Amino acid sequence: MEKSTKKLDTTLGELIAAASEVAFEYSDNDRDAYKLAQAALIEILRKASHAGSLDDFGESAPGKSYLH
């Protein structure tokens, strides 16, 4: 069975800008907005990457073969 994938044609800058814009709309302050945008971007990158290639905040963890 072939896995279907979705491709998003955008730049990293556009992705960051969109995540930040939405985060600021739903947050009470700048700090929370930045944290929300960061969490959203990390999750997007995790889902778009190969298993085991990203860990928390982009730091690699030796010996891990999967993401949590």
N, C-alpha and C. Protein backbone atom coordinates (compact mmCIF):
# COMPACT_ATOMS: atom_id res chain seq x y z
N MET A 1 0.83 -1.17 0.00
CA MET A 1 0.00 0.00 0.00
C MET A 1 0.88 1.24 0.00
N GLU A 2 0.61 2.15 -0.90
CA GLU A 2 1.41 3.36 -1.04
C GLU A 2 0.91 4.44 -0.09
N LYS A 3 1.84 5.05 0.65
CA LYS A 3 1.48 6.10 1.59
C LYS A 3 1.32 7.41 0.83
N SER A 4 0.19 8.10 1.06
CA SER A 4 0.00 9.37 0.39
C SER A 4 0.68 10.46 1.21
N THR A 5 1.29 11.41 0.53
CA THR A 5 1.94 12.51 1.20
C THR A 5 1.42 13.82 0.62
N LYS A 6 1.42 14.84 1.47
CA LYS A 6 1.02 16.17 1.03
C LYS A 6 2.27 17.02 0.95
N LYS A 7 2.36 17.80 -0.11
CA LYS A 7 3.51 18.66 -0.29
C LYS A 7 3.05 20.11 -0.20
N LEU A 8 3.74 20.88 0.61
CA LEU A 8 3.43 22.29 0.79
C LEU A 8 4.52 23.10 0.10
N ASP A 9 4.13 23.90 -0.85
CA ASP A 9 5.09 24.70 -1.60
C ASP A 9 5.19 26.08 -0.94
N THR A 10 6.14 26.22 -0.02
CA THR A 10 6.33 27.47 0.71
C THR A 10 7.78 27.58 1.17
N THR A 11 8.14 28.75 1.62
CA THR A 11 9.48 28.93 2.17
C THR A 11 9.41 28.79 3.69
N LEU A 12 10.55 28.58 4.30
CA LEU A 12 10.61 28.49 5.76
C LEU A 12 10.17 29.81 6.38
N GLY A 13 10.56 30.91 5.78
CA GLY A 13 10.17 32.23 6.28
C GLY A 13 8.67 32.43 6.28
N GLU A 14 8.02 31.99 5.20
CA GLU A 14 6.56 32.09 5.12
C GLU A 14 5.88 31.21 6.17
N LEU A 15 6.44 30.04 6.39
CA LEU A 15 5.89 29.12 7.39
C LEU A 15 6.02 29.71 8.79
N ILE A 16 7.17 30.28 9.10
CA ILE A 16 7.38 30.92 10.40
C ILE A 16 6.44 32.11 10.57
N ALA A 17 6.30 32.92 9.53
CA ALA A 17 5.42 34.09 9.61
C ALA A 17 3.97 33.68 9.85
N ALA A 18 3.51 32.64 9.16
CA ALA A 18 2.13 32.18 9.33
C ALA A 18 1.90 31.61 10.72
N ALA A 19 2.84 30.82 11.21
CA ALA A 19 2.71 30.24 12.55
C ALA A 19 2.71 31.35 13.60
N SER A 20 3.56 32.34 13.42
CA SER A 20 3.63 33.45 14.37
C SER A 20 2.35 34.28 14.36
N GLU A 21 1.84 34.55 13.19
CA GLU A 21 0.61 35.34 13.06
C GLU A 21 -0.55 34.68 13.80
N VAL A 22 -0.72 33.40 13.59
CA VAL A 22 -1.81 32.67 14.25
C VAL A 22 -1.56 32.60 15.76
N ALA A 23 -0.32 32.36 16.16
CA ALA A 23 0.00 32.27 17.58
C ALA A 23 -0.30 33.58 18.31
N PHE A 24 0.02 34.70 17.69
CA PHE A 24 -0.24 35.99 18.33
C PHE A 24 -1.74 36.28 18.42
N GLU A 25 -2.53 35.76 17.48
CA GLU A 25 -3.98 35.93 17.55
C GLU A 25 -4.59 35.19 18.74
N TYR A 26 -4.01 34.06 19.11
CA TYR A 26 -4.58 33.20 20.14
C TYR A 26 -3.87 33.28 21.49
N SER A 27 -2.90 34.16 21.63
CA SER A 27 -2.14 34.25 22.88
C SER A 27 -2.41 35.58 23.58
N ASP A 28 -2.29 35.56 24.90
CA ASP A 28 -2.51 36.76 25.71
C ASP A 28 -1.29 37.67 25.78
N ASN A 29 -0.11 37.11 25.52
CA ASN A 29 1.10 37.92 25.59
C ASN A 29 2.15 37.39 24.61
N ASP A 30 3.20 38.19 24.42
CA ASP A 30 4.24 37.83 23.45
C ASP A 30 4.93 36.52 23.79
N ARG A 31 5.24 36.33 25.07
CA ARG A 31 5.96 35.11 25.48
C ARG A 31 5.17 33.86 25.12
N ASP A 32 3.89 33.85 25.44
CA ASP A 32 3.04 32.70 25.11
C ASP A 32 2.93 32.51 23.60
N ALA A 33 2.86 33.62 22.87
CA ALA A 33 2.75 33.53 21.41
C ALA A 33 4.00 32.89 20.81
N TYR A 34 5.17 33.31 21.28
CA TYR A 34 6.42 32.73 20.76
C TYR A 34 6.51 31.24 21.11
N LYS A 35 6.10 30.88 22.31
CA LYS A 35 6.12 29.46 22.71
C LYS A 35 5.16 28.64 21.85
N LEU A 36 3.97 29.18 21.59
CA LEU A 36 2.99 28.48 20.77
C LEU A 36 3.49 28.32 19.33
N ALA A 37 4.04 29.38 18.77
CA ALA A 37 4.58 29.31 17.41
C ALA A 37 5.72 28.31 17.33
N GLN A 38 6.59 28.31 18.34
CA GLN A 38 7.71 27.37 18.38
C GLN A 38 7.21 25.93 18.42
N ALA A 39 6.24 25.67 19.30
CA ALA A 39 5.70 24.31 19.42
C ALA A 39 5.05 23.86 18.11
N ALA A 40 4.32 24.76 17.47
CA ALA A 40 3.67 24.42 16.20
C ALA A 40 4.70 24.11 15.12
N LEU A 41 5.74 24.93 15.02
CA LEU A 41 6.77 24.71 14.01
C LEU A 41 7.54 23.42 14.25
N ILE A 42 7.85 23.14 15.50
CA ILE A 42 8.54 21.89 15.82
C ILE A 42 7.69 20.70 15.40
N GLU A 43 6.41 20.75 15.70
CA GLU A 43 5.52 19.64 15.34
C GLU A 43 5.41 19.49 13.82
N ILE A 44 5.32 20.60 13.11
CA ILE A 44 5.26 20.55 11.64
C ILE A 44 6.53 19.91 11.08
N LEU A 45 7.68 20.33 11.61
CA LEU A 45 8.95 19.78 11.12
C LEU A 45 9.10 18.31 11.49
N ARG A 46 8.64 17.93 12.66
CA ARG A 46 8.70 16.52 13.05
C ARG A 46 7.90 15.66 12.09
N LYS A 47 6.71 16.10 11.78
CA LYS A 47 5.84 15.32 10.90
C LYS A 47 6.38 15.28 9.48
N ALA A 48 7.15 16.29 9.09
CA ALA A 48 7.68 16.35 7.74
C ALA A 48 9.02 15.66 7.60
N SER A 49 9.63 15.27 8.72
CA SER A 49 10.96 14.68 8.67
C SER A 49 10.89 13.16 8.77
N HIS A 50 12.02 12.55 8.56
CA HIS A 50 12.12 11.10 8.71
C HIS A 50 12.20 10.76 10.19
N ALA A 51 11.69 9.62 10.55
CA ALA A 51 11.71 9.19 11.97
C ALA A 51 13.13 9.25 12.52
N GLY A 52 13.26 9.86 13.68
CA GLY A 52 14.55 9.91 14.35
C GLY A 52 15.44 11.05 13.94
N SER A 53 15.01 11.89 13.01
CA SER A 53 15.90 12.96 12.56
C SER A 53 15.77 14.23 13.37
N LEU A 54 14.70 14.38 14.14
CA LEU A 54 14.54 15.56 14.98
C LEU A 54 14.18 15.13 16.39
N ASP A 55 14.72 15.84 17.36
CA ASP A 55 14.36 15.62 18.75
C ASP A 55 13.90 16.97 19.30
N ASP A 56 13.65 17.07 20.58
CA ASP A 56 13.17 18.33 21.16
C ASP A 56 14.06 19.50 20.75
N PHE A 57 13.47 20.51 20.17
CA PHE A 57 14.13 21.75 19.76
C PHE A 57 15.32 21.52 18.84
N GLY A 58 15.24 20.47 18.03
CA GLY A 58 16.25 20.23 17.02
C GLY A 58 17.53 19.61 17.51
N GLU A 59 17.62 19.24 18.78
CA GLU A 59 18.83 18.60 19.29
C GLU A 59 18.76 17.11 19.01
N SER A 60 19.84 16.55 18.51
CA SER A 60 19.82 15.12 18.22
C SER A 60 20.10 14.33 19.50
N ALA A 61 19.49 13.18 19.59
CA ALA A 61 19.70 12.31 20.75
C ALA A 61 20.24 10.98 20.26
N PRO A 62 21.49 10.66 20.54
CA PRO A 62 22.07 9.41 20.06
C PRO A 62 21.31 8.19 20.55
N GLY A 63 21.17 7.22 19.69
CA GLY A 63 20.54 5.96 20.08
C GLY A 63 19.03 5.92 19.90
N LYS A 64 18.39 7.06 19.64
CA LYS A 64 16.95 7.04 19.43
C LYS A 64 16.65 6.67 17.98
N SER A 65 15.66 5.81 17.81
CA SER A 65 15.28 5.45 16.45
C SER A 65 13.87 5.90 16.12
N TYR A 66 13.24 6.66 17.02
CA TYR A 66 11.89 7.14 16.78
C TYR A 66 11.67 8.48 17.49
N LEU A 67 10.61 9.16 17.11
CA LEU A 67 10.24 10.41 17.75
C LEU A 67 9.13 10.17 18.75
N HIS A 68 9.08 10.96 19.77
CA HIS A 68 7.99 10.85 20.73
C HIS A 68 7.18 12.13 20.79
